[in-house]
Amino acid sequence: MSHNPILVGPLNYAYDESPDLRAPSGRGIFGWCDTTRQAILAEQNMYPARKLACRWHETLHAVANDYGIRLSEQTVATLAMVITQILRDNPEMRGADESVFSIIPIIEEVQKNQGKEVKQNGTDPGADDSS
């Protein structure tokens, strides 16, 4: 089964699932993030909520690695469970309305406010006043 990649900043992490997932040590695990290969692997035989938490867990490892953030394993585990619960309990926060990510309204608001500044104090907020 083909899965969509998990996007972390500018990087695409391949995502796949495997039955009986094992760490290199042979120990059974829920998931694995390989930041060198940009790949996330999850145990196939999990309940959907556990699988979602696992995807968040491994994605947080990718974020921490790619952005130079030091997170303990306990912090990653806690954040993954909290994010999963927040998304489950607050469907309006799942990002179905992609317009919240549009920068156009932000730019328009800034431009509108800059025009008000010029009118209010008679100066150009971007002008160099060193003369």
Protein backbone atom coordinates (compact mmCIF):
# COMPACT_ATOMS: atom_id res chain seq x y z
CA MET A 1 0.00 0.00 0.00
CA SER A 2 1.35 3.40 -0.96
CA HIS A 3 1.19 6.23 1.58
CA ASN A 4 1.54 9.97 1.20
CA PRO A 5 4.88 11.35 2.32
CA ILE A 6 5.06 13.32 5.55
CA LEU A 7 6.26 16.84 4.80
CA VAL A 8 8.64 18.32 7.36
CA GLY A 9 9.57 21.85 6.30
CA PRO A 10 11.10 21.53 2.84
CA LEU A 11 11.73 17.78 3.19
CA ASN A 12 9.56 14.85 2.14
CA TYR A 13 9.75 11.90 4.51
CA ALA A 14 8.63 8.67 2.85
CA TYR A 15 6.06 6.96 5.07
CA ASP A 16 5.34 3.27 5.10
CA GLU A 17 4.01 0.57 7.41
CA SER A 18 5.40 -2.86 8.10
CA PRO A 19 4.13 -5.83 10.11
CA ASP A 20 6.28 -6.96 13.03
CA LEU A 21 8.49 -3.86 12.99
CA ARG A 22 11.85 -4.31 14.73
CA ALA A 23 14.64 -1.97 15.78
CA PRO A 24 18.16 -2.82 14.56
CA SER A 25 18.66 -4.47 17.98
CA GLY A 26 15.79 -6.87 17.21
CA ARG A 27 13.44 -5.34 19.79
CA GLY A 28 9.83 -4.85 18.68
CA ILE A 29 8.92 -1.19 18.17
CA PHE A 30 5.91 0.93 17.11
CA GLY A 31 7.82 3.18 14.71
CA TRP A 32 11.14 4.34 13.35
CA CYS A 33 12.41 7.62 11.90
CA ASP A 34 15.48 7.49 9.68
CA THR A 35 16.49 11.13 9.20
CA THR A 36 19.39 10.22 6.89
CA ARG A 37 17.09 8.47 4.42
CA GLN A 38 14.15 10.78 5.18
CA ALA A 39 11.89 7.83 5.97
CA ILE A 40 9.33 7.06 8.67
CA LEU A 41 8.16 3.51 9.24
CA ALA A 42 5.30 2.44 11.52
CA GLU A 43 4.06 -0.89 12.77
CA GLN A 44 1.19 -1.94 10.51
CA ASN A 45 -0.82 -3.83 13.13
CA MET A 46 -1.85 -1.03 15.48
CA TYR A 47 -5.18 0.56 16.30
CA PRO A 48 -5.74 3.75 14.25
CA ALA A 49 -5.32 6.14 17.21
CA ARG A 50 -2.05 4.45 18.23
CA LYS A 51 -0.84 4.57 14.61
CA LEU A 52 -1.62 8.30 14.39
CA ALA A 53 0.24 8.93 17.65
CA CYS A 54 3.14 6.89 16.29
CA ARG A 55 3.23 8.97 13.09
CA TRP A 56 3.31 12.16 15.18
CA HIS A 57 5.99 10.67 17.42
CA GLU A 58 8.28 9.83 14.50
CA THR A 59 7.49 13.14 12.76
CA LEU A 60 8.52 15.00 15.92
CA HIS A 61 11.85 13.15 15.81
CA ALA A 62 12.26 14.37 12.21
CA VAL A 63 11.37 17.95 13.21
CA ALA A 64 13.79 17.88 16.14
CA ASN A 65 16.60 16.53 13.97
CA ASP A 66 16.02 18.79 10.97
CA TYR A 67 15.62 21.98 13.01
CA GLY A 68 18.28 21.29 15.62
CA ILE A 69 15.86 21.00 18.55
CA ARG A 70 16.90 18.81 21.46
CA LEU A 71 13.93 16.76 22.65
CA SER A 72 14.09 13.83 25.05
CA GLU A 73 12.31 10.61 24.13
CA GLN A 74 9.82 11.31 26.95
CA THR A 75 9.07 14.78 25.54
CA VAL A 76 8.53 13.38 22.04
CA ALA A 77 6.23 10.65 23.41
CA THR A 78 4.22 13.15 25.46
CA LEU A 79 3.87 15.68 22.63
CA ALA A 80 2.79 12.96 20.18
CA MET A 81 0.01 11.79 22.51
CA VAL A 82 -1.11 15.36 23.28
CA ILE A 83 -1.19 16.38 19.59
CA THR A 84 -3.16 13.24 18.72
CA GLN A 85 -5.68 13.96 21.48
CA ILE A 86 -6.02 17.64 20.55
CA LEU A 87 -6.69 16.77 16.90
CA ARG A 88 -9.16 14.07 17.90
CA ASP A 89 -11.05 16.32 20.33
CA ASN A 90 -10.96 19.52 18.23
CA PRO A 91 -11.85 18.72 14.62
CA GLU A 92 -11.75 22.43 13.71
CA MET A 93 -7.98 22.33 14.36
CA ARG A 94 -7.28 19.61 11.78
CA GLY A 95 -6.59 22.12 9.03
CA ALA A 96 -9.50 21.31 6.74
CA ASP A 97 -9.79 25.03 5.98
CA GLU A 98 -6.54 25.63 4.09
CA SER A 99 -7.27 29.35 3.84
CA VAL A 100 -5.74 29.78 7.31
CA PHE A 101 -2.36 29.09 5.70
CA SER A 102 -2.70 31.72 2.98
CA ILE A 103 -0.27 34.61 3.34
CA ILE A 104 -2.21 36.91 1.01
CA PRO A 105 -4.64 38.20 3.71
CA ILE A 106 -1.67 38.84 6.02
CA ILE A 107 0.16 40.87 3.37
CA GLU A 108 -3.00 42.84 2.59
CA GLU A 109 -3.52 43.62 6.30
CA VAL A 110 0.09 44.79 6.71
CA GLN A 111 -0.17 47.00 3.62
CA LYS A 112 -3.46 48.46 4.85
CA ASN A 113 -1.97 49.21 8.27
CA GLN A 114 1.15 50.77 6.76
CA GLY A 115 -1.08 53.15 4.80
CA LYS A 116 -2.80 54.16 8.06
CA GLU A 117 0.58 54.88 9.71
CA VAL A 118 1.53 57.22 6.88
CA LYS A 119 -1.76 59.09 7.18
CA GLN A 120 -1.63 59.29 10.99
CA ASN A 121 1.87 60.69 11.49
CA GLY A 122 2.63 62.09 8.04
CA THR A 123 5.74 59.95 7.59
CA ASP A 124 6.58 56.91 5.55
CA PRO A 125 7.20 54.03 8.04
CA GLY A 126 9.77 52.54 5.64
CA ALA A 127 11.66 55.78 4.96
CA ASP A 128 15.17 56.40 6.24
CA ASP A 129 15.03 59.37 8.64
CA SER A 130 18.80 59.78 8.97
CA SER A 131 18.89 62.93 6.84
